[in-house]
Amino acid sequence: MGTAGVTRFRGQRGIREYSVVSGNAGSHSSCYRSRLWKALCLESSIKHRRTRPYRPQTNGKVERFHRTLTIEWAYVRRYPSEAARVRALRKWLHLYNHHRTHTALGGLPPASRVTNLSGQYS
């Protein structure tokens, strides 16, 4: 799922983004320079901010998530196909967000912080 898809996914669940912080350079952040991204931010009133160059501390939580993702999903086994890899990612993300406790959240999963996750409130 691309960046625009993630934003739409969150919007469908009542999660409102006011700003997005991204890196500055490299191919991994090129999606944050696309015309589609700029149009989506403008349409959704999202402010796009960039991290300071050579300052990984700014993006520490994302970097830690990437490390956990790499260790617990990406390199834990070989996947027989791209479809199998995507299915495994979906399962892992569900476990991570809904069942895995996080010390930064007082032992709760991240989904517990999203108050309108089920869409019962408007």
PDB file of N, CA and C in Angstrom:
ATOM      1  N   MET A   1       0.856  -1.164   0.000  1.00  0.00           N
ATOM      2  CA  MET A   1       0.000   0.000   0.000  1.00  0.00           C
ATOM      3  C   MET A   1       0.901   1.225   0.000  1.00  0.00           C
ATOM      4  N   GLY A   2       0.645   2.115  -0.938  1.00  0.00           N
ATOM      5  CA  GLY A   2       1.447   3.325  -1.024  1.00  0.00           C
ATOM      6  C   GLY A   2       1.041   4.363   0.011  1.00  0.00           C
ATOM      7  N   THR A   3       1.748   5.459   0.008  1.00  0.00           N
ATOM      8  CA  THR A   3       1.503   6.531   0.971  1.00  0.00           C
ATOM      9  C   THR A   3       0.073   7.054   0.888  1.00  0.00           C
ATOM     10  N   ALA A   4      -0.423   7.279  -0.314  1.00  0.00           N
ATOM     11  CA  ALA A   4      -1.795   7.762  -0.473  1.00  0.00           C
ATOM     12  C   ALA A   4      -2.787   6.737   0.052  1.00  0.00           C
ATOM     13  N   GLY A   5      -2.512   5.459  -0.183  1.00  0.00           N
ATOM     14  CA  GLY A   5      -3.386   4.392   0.304  1.00  0.00           C
ATOM     15  C   GLY A   5      -3.439   4.342   1.817  1.00  0.00           C
ATOM     16  N   VAL A   6      -2.310   4.549   2.470  1.00  0.00           N
ATOM     17  CA  VAL A   6      -2.261   4.563   3.934  1.00  0.00           C
ATOM     18  C   VAL A   6      -3.100   5.720   4.472  1.00  0.00           C
ATOM     19  N   THR A   7      -2.982   6.879   3.858  1.00  0.00           N
ATOM     20  CA  THR A   7      -3.742   8.047   4.296  1.00  0.00           C
ATOM     21  C   THR A   7      -5.237   7.793   4.129  1.00  0.00           C
ATOM     22  N   ARG A   8      -5.637   7.212   3.013  1.00  0.00           N
ATOM     23  CA  ARG A   8      -7.057   6.903   2.815  1.00  0.00           C
ATOM     24  C   ARG A   8      -7.531   5.853   3.822  1.00  0.00           C
ATOM     25  N   PHE A   9      -6.702   4.831   4.082  1.00  0.00           N
ATOM     26  CA  PHE A   9      -7.029   3.786   5.066  1.00  0.00           C
ATOM     27  C   PHE A   9      -7.312   4.418   6.427  1.00  0.00           C
ATOM     28  N   ARG A  10      -6.455   5.314   6.844  1.00  0.00           N
ATOM     29  CA  ARG A  10      -6.658   5.988   8.136  1.00  0.00           C
ATOM     30  C   ARG A  10      -7.921   6.840   8.116  1.00  0.00           C
ATOM     31  N   GLY A  11      -8.147   7.564   7.038  1.00  0.00           N
ATOM     32  CA  GLY A  11      -9.318   8.418   6.930  1.00  0.00           C
ATOM     33  C   GLY A  11     -10.611   7.631   7.010  1.00  0.00           C
ATOM     34  N   GLN A  12     -10.641   6.436   6.423  1.00  0.00           N
ATOM     35  CA  GLN A  12     -11.830   5.593   6.471  1.00  0.00           C
ATOM     36  C   GLN A  12     -12.132   5.126   7.890  1.00  0.00           C
ATOM     37  N   ARG A  13     -11.150   5.189   8.774  1.00  0.00           N
ATOM     38  CA  ARG A  13     -11.326   4.748  10.152  1.00  0.00           C
ATOM     39  C   ARG A  13     -11.432   5.912  11.139  1.00  0.00           C
ATOM     40  N   GLY A  14     -11.585   7.098  10.615  1.00  0.00           N
ATOM     41  CA  GLY A  14     -11.770   8.258  11.466  1.00  0.00           C
ATOM     42  C   GLY A  14     -10.491   8.798  12.078  1.00  0.00           C
ATOM     43  N   ILE A  15      -9.339   8.399  11.544  1.00  0.00           N
ATOM     44  CA  ILE A  15      -8.059   8.889  12.057  1.00  0.00           C
ATOM     45  C   ILE A  15      -7.684  10.119  11.236  1.00  0.00           C
ATOM     46  N   ARG A  16      -7.568  11.262  11.875  1.00  0.00           N
ATOM     47  CA  ARG A  16      -7.284  12.526  11.190  1.00  0.00           C
ATOM     48  C   ARG A  16      -5.811  12.870  11.316  1.00  0.00           C
ATOM     49  N   GLU A  17      -5.182  13.122  10.200  1.00  0.00           N
ATOM     50  CA  GLU A  17      -3.787  13.533  10.182  1.00  0.00           C
ATOM     51  C   GLU A  17      -3.727  15.034   9.958  1.00  0.00           C
ATOM     52  N   TYR A  18      -2.946  15.709  10.781  1.00  0.00           N
ATOM     53  CA  TYR A  18      -2.782  17.151  10.630  1.00  0.00           C
ATOM     54  C   TYR A  18      -1.436  17.491  10.018  1.00  0.00           C
ATOM     55  N   SER A  19      -0.451  16.646  10.293  1.00  0.00           N
ATOM     56  CA  SER A  19       0.855  16.846   9.684  1.00  0.00           C
ATOM     57  C   SER A  19       1.554  15.502   9.563  1.00  0.00           C
ATOM     58  N   VAL A  20       2.479  15.449   8.624  1.00  0.00           N
ATOM     59  CA  VAL A  20       3.278  14.248   8.388  1.00  0.00           C
ATOM     60  C   VAL A  20       4.729  14.680   8.350  1.00  0.00           C
ATOM     61  N   VAL A  21       5.565  13.949   9.062  1.00  0.00           N
ATOM     62  CA  VAL A  21       6.995  14.217   9.067  1.00  0.00           C
ATOM     63  C   VAL A  21       7.665  13.120   8.256  1.00  0.00           C
ATOM     64  N   SER A  22       8.499  13.507   7.304  1.00  0.00           N
ATOM     65  CA  SER A  22       9.210  12.519   6.495  1.00  0.00           C
ATOM     66  C   SER A  22      10.682  12.882   6.428  1.00  0.00           C
ATOM     67  N   GLY A  23      11.448  11.935   5.919  1.00  0.00           N
ATOM     68  CA  GLY A  23      12.872  12.164   5.724  1.00  0.00           C
ATOM     69  C   GLY A  23      13.100  13.155   4.591  1.00  0.00           C
ATOM     70  N   ASN A  24      14.366  13.440   4.345  1.00  0.00           N
ATOM     71  CA  ASN A  24      14.717  14.468   3.365  1.00  0.00           C
ATOM     72  C   ASN A  24      15.245  13.955   2.043  1.00  0.00           C
ATOM     73  N   ALA A  25      15.918  12.839   2.068  1.00  0.00           N
ATOM     74  CA  ALA A  25      16.627  12.427   0.856  1.00  0.00           C
ATOM     75  C   ALA A  25      16.535  10.927   0.667  1.00  0.00           C
ATOM     76  N   GLY A  26      17.080  10.484  -0.429  1.00  0.00           N
ATOM     77  CA  GLY A  26      17.135   9.061  -0.709  1.00  0.00           C
ATOM     78  C   GLY A  26      15.892   8.565  -1.414  1.00  0.00           C
ATOM     79  N   SER A  27      16.016   7.396  -1.997  1.00  0.00           N
ATOM     80  CA  SER A  27      14.905   6.842  -2.758  1.00  0.00           C
ATOM     81  C   SER A  27      13.735   6.480  -1.859  1.00  0.00           C
ATOM     82  N   HIS A  28      13.995   6.175  -0.576  1.00  0.00           N
ATOM     83  CA  HIS A  28      12.913   5.793   0.332  1.00  0.00           C
ATOM     84  C   HIS A  28      11.954   6.931   0.633  1.00  0.00           C
ATOM     85  N   SER A  29      12.350   8.152   0.403  1.00  0.00           N
ATOM     86  CA  SER A  29      11.454   9.282   0.686  1.00  0.00           C
ATOM     87  C   SER A  29      10.981   9.970  -0.589  1.00  0.00           C
ATOM     88  N   SER A  30      11.259   9.379  -1.746  1.00  0.00           N
ATOM     89  CA  SER A  30      10.867  10.027  -3.004  1.00  0.00           C
ATOM     90  C   SER A  30       9.352  10.123  -3.137  1.00  0.00           C
ATOM     91  N   CYS A  31       8.611   9.201  -2.509  1.00  0.00           N
ATOM     92  CA  CYS A  31       7.145   9.278  -2.601  1.00  0.00           C
ATOM     93  C   CYS A  31       6.624  10.550  -1.945  1.00  0.00           C
ATOM     94  N   TYR A  32       7.387  11.113  -1.012  1.00  0.00           N
ATOM     95  CA  TYR A  32       6.960  12.342  -0.344  1.00  0.00           C
ATOM     96  C   TYR A  32       7.288  13.589  -1.151  1.00  0.00           C
ATOM     97  N   ARG A  33       7.794  13.383  -2.369  1.00  0.00           N
ATOM     98  CA  ARG A  33       8.056  14.508  -3.261  1.00  0.00           C
ATOM     99  C   ARG A  33       7.191  14.434  -4.516  1.00  0.00           C
ATOM    100  N   SER A  34       6.337  13.437  -4.596  1.00  0.00           N
ATOM    101  CA  SER A  34       5.533  13.242  -5.805  1.00  0.00           C
ATOM    102  C   SER A  34       4.397  14.254  -5.896  1.00  0.00           C
ATOM    103  N   ARG A  35       3.908  14.439  -7.099  1.00  0.00           N
ATOM    104  CA  ARG A  35       2.762  15.332  -7.305  1.00  0.00           C
ATOM    105  C   ARG A  35       1.519  14.785  -6.616  1.00  0.00           C
ATOM    106  N   LEU A  36       1.355  13.462  -6.640  1.00  0.00           N
ATOM    107  CA  LEU A  36       0.208  12.838  -5.987  1.00  0.00           C
ATOM    108  C   LEU A  36       0.215  13.134  -4.484  1.00  0.00           C
ATOM    109  N   TRP A  37       1.392  13.020  -3.866  1.00  0.00           N
ATOM    110  CA  TRP A  37       1.508  13.297  -2.430  1.00  0.00           C
ATOM    111  C   TRP A  37       1.168  14.754  -2.124  1.00  0.00           C
ATOM    112  N   LYS A  38       1.720  15.661  -2.915  1.00  0.00           N
ATOM    113  CA  LYS A  38       1.443  17.086  -2.690  1.00  0.00           C
ATOM    114  C   LYS A  38      -0.042  17.385  -2.843  1.00  0.00           C
ATOM    115  N   ALA A  39      -0.669  16.804  -3.860  1.00  0.00           N
ATOM    116  CA  ALA A  39      -2.098  17.028  -4.089  1.00  0.00           C
ATOM    117  C   ALA A  39      -2.925  16.448  -2.940  1.00  0.00           C
ATOM    118  N   LEU A  40      -2.549  15.272  -2.453  1.00  0.00           N
ATOM    119  CA  LEU A  40      -3.269  14.645  -1.350  1.00  0.00           C
ATOM    120  C   LEU A  40      -3.159  15.488  -0.078  1.00  0.00           C
ATOM    121  N   CYS A  41      -1.973  15.997   0.193  1.00  0.00           N
ATOM    122  CA  CYS A  41      -1.783  16.854   1.373  1.00  0.00           C
ATOM    123  C   CYS A  41      -2.623  18.120   1.254  1.00  0.00           C
ATOM    124  N   LEU A  42      -2.598  18.724   0.103  1.00  0.00           N
ATOM    125  CA  LEU A  42      -3.366  19.950  -0.111  1.00  0.00           C
ATOM    126  C   LEU A  42      -4.865  19.681   0.046  1.00  0.00           C
ATOM    127  N   GLU A  43      -5.332  18.622  -0.587  1.00  0.00           N
ATOM    128  CA  GLU A  43      -6.750  18.248  -0.529  1.00  0.00           C
ATOM    129  C   GLU A  43      -7.201  17.923   0.899  1.00  0.00           C
ATOM    130  N   SER A  44      -6.305  17.340   1.703  1.00  0.00           N
ATOM    131  CA  SER A  44      -6.653  16.912   3.059  1.00  0.00           C
ATOM    132  C   SER A  44      -6.222  17.893   4.139  1.00  0.00           C
ATOM    133  N   SER A  45      -5.675  19.034   3.746  1.00  0.00           N
ATOM    134  CA  SER A  45      -5.177  20.044   4.694  1.00  0.00           C
ATOM    135  C   SER A  45      -4.134  19.469   5.640  1.00  0.00           C
ATOM    136  N   ILE A  46      -3.230  18.676   5.080  1.00  0.00           N
ATOM    137  CA  ILE A  46      -2.159  18.074   5.861  1.00  0.00           C
ATOM    138  C   ILE A  46      -0.881  18.860   5.607  1.00  0.00           C
ATOM    139  N   LYS A  47      -0.235  19.254   6.682  1.00  0.00           N
ATOM    140  CA  LYS A  47       1.038  19.968   6.550  1.00  0.00           C
ATOM    141  C   LYS A  47       2.159  18.929   6.470  1.00  0.00           C
ATOM    142  N   HIS A  48       3.010  19.059   5.470  1.00  0.00           N
ATOM    143  CA  HIS A  48       4.147  18.154   5.302  1.00  0.00           C
ATOM    144  C   HIS A  48       5.400  18.822   5.847  1.00  0.00           C
ATOM    145  N   ARG A  49       5.994  18.182   6.839  1.00  0.00           N
ATOM    146  CA  ARG A  49       7.235  18.693   7.408  1.00  0.00           C
ATOM    147  C   ARG A  49       8.332  17.666   7.177  1.00  0.00           C
ATOM    148  N   ARG A  50       9.541  18.131   7.062  1.00  0.00           N
ATOM    149  CA  ARG A  50      10.689  17.235   6.861  1.00  0.00           C
ATOM    150  C   ARG A  50      11.589  17.251   8.087  1.00  0.00           C
ATOM    151  N   THR A  51      12.249  16.131   8.312  1.00  0.00           N
ATOM    152  CA  THR A  51      13.194  16.047   9.426  1.00  0.00           C
ATOM    153  C   THR A  51      14.431  16.880   9.108  1.00  0.00           C
ATOM    154  N   ARG A  52      15.167  17.234  10.139  1.00  0.00           N
ATOM    155  CA  ARG A  52      16.428  17.941   9.920  1.00  0.00           C
ATOM    156  C   ARG A  52      17.440  16.973   9.329  1.00  0.00           C
ATOM    157  N   PRO A  53      18.225  17.414   8.364  1.00  0.00           N
ATOM    158  CA  PRO A  53      19.237  16.545   7.775  1.00  0.00           C
ATOM    159  C   PRO A  53      20.234  16.032   8.829  1.00  0.00           C
ATOM    160  N   TYR A  54      20.629  14.785   8.676  1.00  0.00           N
ATOM    161  CA  TYR A  54      21.632  14.142   9.542  1.00  0.00           C
ATOM    162  C   TYR A  54      21.205  14.156  11.013  1.00  0.00           C
ATOM    163  N   ARG A  55      19.934  14.004  11.244  1.00  0.00           N
ATOM    164  CA  ARG A  55      19.409  14.028  12.608  1.00  0.00           C
ATOM    165  C   ARG A  55      18.419  12.853  12.781  1.00  0.00           C
ATOM    166  N   PRO A  56      18.914  11.607  12.869  1.00  0.00           N
ATOM    167  CA  PRO A  56      18.024  10.441  12.957  1.00  0.00           C
ATOM    168  C   PRO A  56      17.155  10.426  14.208  1.00  0.00           C
ATOM    169  N   GLN A  57      17.548  11.165  15.251  1.00  0.00           N
ATOM    170  CA  GLN A  57      16.755  11.202  16.476  1.00  0.00           C
ATOM    171  C   GLN A  57      15.347  11.740  16.215  1.00  0.00           C
ATOM    172  N   THR A  58      15.222  12.627  15.235  1.00  0.00           N
ATOM    173  CA  THR A  58      13.934  13.222  14.915  1.00  0.00           C
ATOM    174  C   THR A  58      12.926  12.152  14.514  1.00  0.00           C
ATOM    175  N   ASN A  59      13.393  11.149  13.844  1.00  0.00           N
ATOM    176  CA  ASN A  59      12.531  10.087  13.338  1.00  0.00           C
ATOM    177  C   ASN A  59      12.721   8.794  14.134  1.00  0.00           C
ATOM    178  N   GLY A  60      13.048   8.900  15.394  1.00  0.00           N
ATOM    179  CA  GLY A  60      13.393   7.744  16.212  1.00  0.00           C
ATOM    180  C   GLY A  60      12.337   6.672  16.302  1.00  0.00           C
ATOM    181  N   LYS A  61      11.085   7.048  16.479  1.00  0.00           N
ATOM    182  CA  LYS A  61      10.023   6.042  16.592  1.00  0.00           C
ATOM    183  C   LYS A  61       9.848   5.273  15.292  1.00  0.00           C
ATOM    184  N   VAL A  62       9.931   5.974  14.176  1.00  0.00           N
ATOM    185  CA  VAL A  62       9.807   5.302  12.888  1.00  0.00           C
ATOM    186  C   VAL A  62      10.996   4.378  12.658  1.00  0.00           C
ATOM    187  N   GLU A  63      12.190   4.853  12.991  1.00  0.00           N
ATOM    188  CA  GLU A  63      13.383   4.020  12.832  1.00  0.00           C
ATOM    189  C   GLU A  63      13.291   2.761  13.691  1.00  0.00           C
ATOM    190  N   ARG A  64      12.775   2.893  14.906  1.00  0.00           N
ATOM    191  CA  ARG A  64      12.618   1.731  15.784  1.00  0.00           C
ATOM    192  C   ARG A  64      11.576   0.763  15.218  1.00  0.00           C
ATOM    193  N   PHE A  65      10.487   1.305  14.680  1.00  0.00           N
ATOM    194  CA  PHE A  65       9.478   0.447  14.061  1.00  0.00           C
ATOM    195  C   PHE A  65      10.078  -0.308  12.885  1.00  0.00           C
ATOM    196  N   HIS A  66      10.856   0.364  12.057  1.00  0.00           N
ATOM    197  CA  HIS A  66      11.490  -0.297  10.910  1.00  0.00           C
ATOM    198  C   HIS A  66      12.418  -1.409  11.367  1.00  0.00           C
ATOM    199  N   ARG A  67      13.147  -1.167  12.443  1.00  0.00           N
ATOM    200  CA  ARG A  67      14.038  -2.209  12.976  1.00  0.00           C
ATOM    201  C   ARG A  67      13.233  -3.421  13.448  1.00  0.00           C
ATOM    202  N   THR A  68      12.143  -3.177  14.182  1.00  0.00           N
ATOM    203  CA  THR A  68      11.289  -4.265  14.652  1.00  0.00           C
ATOM    204  C   THR A  68      10.672  -5.007  13.473  1.00  0.00           C
ATOM    205  N   LEU A  69      10.204  -4.275  12.483  1.00  0.00           N
ATOM    206  CA  LEU A  69       9.624  -4.865  11.285  1.00  0.00           C
ATOM    207  C   LEU A  69      10.635  -5.759  10.574  1.00  0.00           C
ATOM    208  N   THR A  70      11.844  -5.289  10.464  1.00  0.00           N
ATOM    209  CA  THR A  70      12.894  -6.060   9.807  1.00  0.00           C
ATOM    210  C   THR A  70      13.186  -7.355  10.554  1.00  0.00           C
ATOM    211  N   ILE A  71      13.332  -7.267  11.860  1.00  0.00           N
ATOM    212  CA  ILE A  71      13.685  -8.431  12.673  1.00  0.00           C
ATOM    213  C   ILE A  71      12.537  -9.430  12.789  1.00  0.00           C
ATOM    214  N   GLU A  72      11.329  -8.937  12.999  1.00  0.00           N
ATOM    215  CA  GLU A  72      10.210  -9.827  13.299  1.00  0.00           C
ATOM    216  C   GLU A  72       9.394 -10.268  12.090  1.00  0.00           C
ATOM    217  N   TRP A  73       9.543  -9.596  10.951  1.00  0.00           N
ATOM    218  CA  TRP A  73       8.779  -9.993   9.771  1.00  0.00           C
ATOM    219  C   TRP A  73       9.650 -10.192   8.530  1.00  0.00           C
ATOM    220  N   ALA A  74      10.386  -9.185   8.130  1.00  0.00           N
ATOM    221  CA  ALA A  74      11.065  -9.215   6.834  1.00  0.00           C
ATOM    222  C   ALA A  74      12.091 -10.336   6.697  1.00  0.00           C
ATOM    223  N   TYR A  75      12.905 -10.544   7.728  1.00  0.00           N
ATOM    224  CA  TYR A  75      13.982 -11.520   7.606  1.00  0.00           C
ATOM    225  C   TYR A  75      13.812 -12.728   8.514  1.00  0.00           C
ATOM    226  N   VAL A  76      12.595 -12.913   9.037  1.00  0.00           N
ATOM    227  CA  VAL A  76      12.383 -14.043   9.931  1.00  0.00           C
ATOM    228  C   VAL A  76      12.330 -15.364   9.147  1.00  0.00           C
ATOM    229  N   ARG A  77      11.932 -15.307   7.876  1.00  0.00           N
ATOM    230  CA  ARG A  77      11.915 -16.500   7.028  1.00  0.00           C
ATOM    231  C   ARG A  77      11.881 -16.102   5.566  1.00  0.00           C
ATOM    232  N   ARG A  78      12.089 -17.073   4.705  1.00  0.00           N
ATOM    233  CA  ARG A  78      11.962 -16.835   3.264  1.00  0.00           C
ATOM    234  C   ARG A  78      10.504 -17.006   2.885  1.00  0.00           C
ATOM    235  N   TYR A  79      10.041 -16.152   2.014  1.00  0.00           N
ATOM    236  CA  TYR A  79       8.667 -16.229   1.565  1.00  0.00           C
ATOM    237  C   TYR A  79       8.642 -16.830   0.164  1.00  0.00           C
ATOM    238  N   PRO A  80       7.748 -17.784  -0.094  1.00  0.00           N
ATOM    239  CA  PRO A  80       7.735 -18.444  -1.404  1.00  0.00           C
ATOM    240  C   PRO A  80       7.267 -17.548  -2.546  1.00  0.00           C
ATOM    241  N   SER A  81       6.570 -16.470  -2.215  1.00  0.00           N
ATOM    242  CA  SER A  81       6.084 -15.557  -3.256  1.00  0.00           C
ATOM    243  C   SER A  81       5.833 -14.187  -2.640  1.00  0.00           C
ATOM    244  N   GLU A  82       5.635 -13.207  -3.510  1.00  0.00           N
ATOM    245  CA  GLU A  82       5.307 -11.860  -3.038  1.00  0.00           C
ATOM    246  C   GLU A  82       3.956 -11.858  -2.336  1.00  0.00           C
ATOM    247  N   ALA A  83       3.009 -12.635  -2.852  1.00  0.00           N
ATOM    248  CA  ALA A  83       1.679 -12.722  -2.228  1.00  0.00           C
ATOM    249  C   ALA A  83       1.785 -13.276  -0.804  1.00  0.00           C
ATOM    250  N   ALA A  84       2.629 -14.275  -0.611  1.00  0.00           N
ATOM    251  CA  ALA A  84       2.818 -14.848   0.726  1.00  0.00           C
ATOM    252  C   ALA A  84       3.472 -13.825   1.660  1.00  0.00           C
ATOM    253  N   ARG A  85       4.394 -13.062   1.125  1.00  0.00           N
ATOM    254  CA  ARG A  85       5.064 -12.027   1.919  1.00  0.00           C
ATOM    255  C   ARG A  85       4.064 -10.951   2.348  1.00  0.00           C
ATOM    256  N   VAL A  86       3.186 -10.545   1.451  1.00  0.00           N
ATOM    257  CA  VAL A  86       2.170  -9.530   1.767  1.00  0.00           C
ATOM    258  C   VAL A  86       1.187 -10.065   2.806  1.00  0.00           C
ATOM    259  N   ARG A  87       0.768 -11.333   2.664  1.00  0.00           N
ATOM    260  CA  ARG A  87      -0.142 -11.928   3.657  1.00  0.00           C
ATOM    261  C   ARG A  87       0.516 -11.961   5.033  1.00  0.00           C
ATOM    262  N   ALA A  88       1.785 -12.329   5.062  1.00  0.00           N
ATOM    263  CA  ALA A  88       2.507 -12.372   6.340  1.00  0.00           C
ATOM    264  C   ALA A  88       2.631 -10.978   6.945  1.00  0.00           C
ATOM    265  N   LEU A  89       2.830  -9.964   6.109  1.00  0.00           N
ATOM    266  CA  LEU A  89       2.924  -8.592   6.602  1.00  0.00           C
ATOM    267  C   LEU A  89       1.594  -8.146   7.208  1.00  0.00           C
ATOM    268  N   ARG A  90       0.498  -8.439   6.523  1.00  0.00           N
ATOM    269  CA  ARG A  90      -0.820  -8.061   7.056  1.00  0.00           C
ATOM    270  C   ARG A  90      -1.060  -8.696   8.426  1.00  0.00           C
ATOM    271  N   LYS A  91      -0.721  -9.979   8.562  1.00  0.00           N
ATOM    272  CA  LYS A  91      -0.894 -10.672   9.854  1.00  0.00           C
ATOM    273  C   LYS A  91       0.002 -10.048  10.915  1.00  0.00           C
ATOM    274  N   TRP A  92       1.248  -9.773  10.541  1.00  0.00           N
ATOM    275  CA  TRP A  92       2.186  -9.193  11.506  1.00  0.00           C
ATOM    276  C   TRP A  92       1.725  -7.809  11.949  1.00  0.00           C
ATOM    277  N   LEU A  93       1.285  -6.982  11.006  1.00  0.00           N
ATOM    278  CA  LEU A  93       0.815  -5.639  11.357  1.00  0.00           C
ATOM    279  C   LEU A  93      -0.400  -5.697  12.287  1.00  0.00           C
ATOM    280  N   HIS A  94      -1.301  -6.650  12.046  1.00  0.00           N
ATOM    281  CA  HIS A  94      -2.455  -6.794  12.938  1.00  0.00           C
ATOM    282  C   HIS A  94      -1.990  -7.174  14.346  1.00  0.00           C
ATOM    283  N   LEU A  95      -1.095  -8.133  14.427  1.00  0.00           N
ATOM    284  CA  LEU A  95      -0.557  -8.542  15.728  1.00  0.00           C
ATOM    285  C   LEU A  95       0.127  -7.358  16.414  1.00  0.00           C
ATOM    286  N   TYR A  96       0.961  -6.651  15.686  1.00  0.00           N
ATOM    287  CA  TYR A  96       1.709  -5.518  16.234  1.00  0.00           C
ATOM    288  C   TYR A  96       0.780  -4.416  16.739  1.00  0.00           C
ATOM    289  N   ASN A  97      -0.228  -4.080  15.968  1.00  0.00           N
ATOM    290  CA  ASN A  97      -1.108  -2.959  16.308  1.00  0.00           C
ATOM    291  C   ASN A  97      -2.237  -3.291  17.279  1.00  0.00           C
ATOM    292  N   HIS A  98      -2.673  -4.542  17.312  1.00  0.00           N
ATOM    293  CA  HIS A  98      -3.841  -4.894  18.116  1.00  0.00           C
ATOM    294  C   HIS A  98      -3.553  -5.796  19.311  1.00  0.00           C
ATOM    295  N   HIS A  99      -2.443  -6.528  19.295  1.00  0.00           N
ATOM    296  CA  HIS A  99      -2.213  -7.510  20.352  1.00  0.00           C
ATOM    297  C   HIS A  99      -0.867  -7.378  21.066  1.00  0.00           C
ATOM    298  N   ARG A 100       0.114  -6.811  20.407  1.00  0.00           N
ATOM    299  CA  ARG A 100       1.447  -6.700  20.993  1.00  0.00           C
ATOM    300  C   ARG A 100       1.497  -5.500  21.932  1.00  0.00           C
ATOM    301  N   THR A 101       1.896  -5.751  23.161  1.00  0.00           N
ATOM    302  CA  THR A 101       1.967  -4.649  24.118  1.00  0.00           C
ATOM    303  C   THR A 101       3.213  -3.800  23.862  1.00  0.00           C
ATOM    304  N   HIS A 102       3.112  -2.520  24.194  1.00  0.00           N
ATOM    305  CA  HIS A 102       4.204  -1.577  23.994  1.00  0.00           C
ATOM    306  C   HIS A 102       4.458  -0.844  25.303  1.00  0.00           C
ATOM    307  N   THR A 103       5.701  -0.839  25.736  1.00  0.00           N
ATOM    308  CA  THR A 103       6.025  -0.187  27.006  1.00  0.00           C
ATOM    309  C   THR A 103       5.732   1.312  26.965  1.00  0.00           C
ATOM    310  N   ALA A 104       5.916   1.943  25.797  1.00  0.00           N
ATOM    311  CA  ALA A 104       5.652   3.383  25.686  1.00  0.00           C
ATOM    312  C   ALA A 104       4.170   3.705  25.865  1.00  0.00           C
ATOM    313  N   LEU A 105       3.315   2.695  25.737  1.00  0.00           N
ATOM    314  CA  LEU A 105       1.871   2.890  25.879  1.00  0.00           C
ATOM    315  C   LEU A 105       1.345   2.257  27.167  1.00  0.00           C
ATOM    316  N   GLY A 106       2.234   2.032  28.108  1.00  0.00           N
ATOM    317  CA  GLY A 106       1.814   1.463  29.384  1.00  0.00           C
ATOM    318  C   GLY A 106       1.336   0.029  29.277  1.00  0.00           C
ATOM    319  N   GLY A 107       1.915  -0.719  28.360  1.00  0.00           N
ATOM    320  CA  GLY A 107       1.548  -2.116  28.204  1.00  0.00           C
ATOM    321  C   GLY A 107       0.331  -2.349  27.325  1.00  0.00           C
ATOM    322  N   LEU A 108      -0.131  -1.320  26.626  1.00  0.00           N
ATOM    323  CA  LEU A 108      -1.285  -1.445  25.740  1.00  0.00           C
ATOM    324  C   LEU A 108      -0.822  -1.508  24.284  1.00  0.00           C
ATOM    325  N   PRO A 109      -1.626  -2.080  23.396  1.00  0.00           N
ATOM    326  CA  PRO A 109      -1.277  -2.072  21.967  1.00  0.00           C
ATOM    327  C   PRO A 109      -1.601  -0.720  21.338  1.00  0.00           C
ATOM    328  N   PRO A 110      -0.978  -0.360  20.227  1.00  0.00           N
ATOM    329  CA  PRO A 110      -1.233   0.935  19.586  1.00  0.00           C
ATOM    330  C   PRO A 110      -2.700   1.179  19.247  1.00  0.00           C
ATOM    331  N   ALA A 111      -3.427   0.167  18.846  1.00  0.00           N
ATOM    332  CA  ALA A 111      -4.830   0.357  18.474  1.00  0.00           C
ATOM    333  C   ALA A 111      -5.659   0.885  19.640  1.00  0.00           C
ATOM    334  N   SER A 112      -5.211   0.667  20.860  1.00  0.00           N
ATOM    335  CA  SER A 112      -5.963   1.158  22.021  1.00  0.00           C
ATOM    336  C   SER A 112      -5.946   2.683  22.096  1.00  0.00           C
ATOM    337  N   ARG A 113      -5.012   3.318  21.394  1.00  0.00           N
ATOM    338  CA  ARG A 113      -4.907   4.778  21.406  1.00  0.00           C
ATOM    339  C   ARG A 113      -5.810   5.435  20.379  1.00  0.00           C
ATOM    340  N   VAL A 114      -6.355   4.650  19.468  1.00  0.00           N
ATOM    341  CA  VAL A 114      -7.238   5.176  18.433  1.00  0.00           C
ATOM    342  C   VAL A 114      -8.662   4.990  18.925  1.00  0.00           C
ATOM    343  N   THR A 115      -9.278   6.058  19.351  1.00  0.00           N
ATOM    344  CA  THR A 115     -10.571   5.956  20.010  1.00  0.00           C
ATOM    345  C   THR A 115     -11.732   5.661  19.080  1.00  0.00           C
ATOM    346  N   ASN A 116     -11.596   5.905  17.779  1.00  0.00           N
ATOM    347  CA  ASN A 116     -12.699   5.677  16.850  1.00  0.00           C
ATOM    348  C   ASN A 116     -12.367   4.552  15.885  1.00  0.00           C
ATOM    349  N   LEU A 117     -11.583   3.576  16.320  1.00  0.00           N
ATOM    350  CA  LEU A 117     -11.124   2.528  15.409  1.00  0.00           C
ATOM    351  C   LEU A 117     -12.270   1.740  14.811  1.00  0.00           C
ATOM    352  N   SER A 118     -13.300   1.458  15.580  1.00  0.00           N
ATOM    353  CA  SER A 118     -14.412   0.658  15.067  1.00  0.00           C
ATOM    354  C   SER A 118     -15.408   1.486  14.274  1.00  0.00           C
ATOM    355  N   GLY A 119     -15.265   2.809  14.258  1.00  0.00           N
ATOM    356  CA  GLY A 119     -16.157   3.670  13.517  1.00  0.00           C
ATOM    357  C   GLY A 119     -17.486   3.905  14.225  1.00  0.00           C
ATOM    358  N   GLN A 120     -17.550   3.584  15.511  1.00  0.00           N
ATOM    359  CA  GLN A 120     -18.805   3.730  16.243  1.00  0.00           C
ATOM    360  C   GLN A 120     -19.110   5.160  16.642  1.00  0.00           C
ATOM    361  N   TYR A 121     -18.107   6.031  16.594  1.00  0.00           N
ATOM    362  CA  TYR A 121     -18.328   7.437  16.924  1.00  0.00           C
ATOM    363  C   TYR A 121     -18.131   8.280  15.678  1.00  0.00           C
ATOM    364  N   SER A 122     -18.757   9.424  15.624  1.00  0.00           N
ATOM    365  CA  SER A 122     -18.524  10.289  14.472  1.00  0.00           C
ATOM    366  C   SER A 122     -18.342  11.710  14.909  1.00  0.00           C
TER     367      SER A 122
END
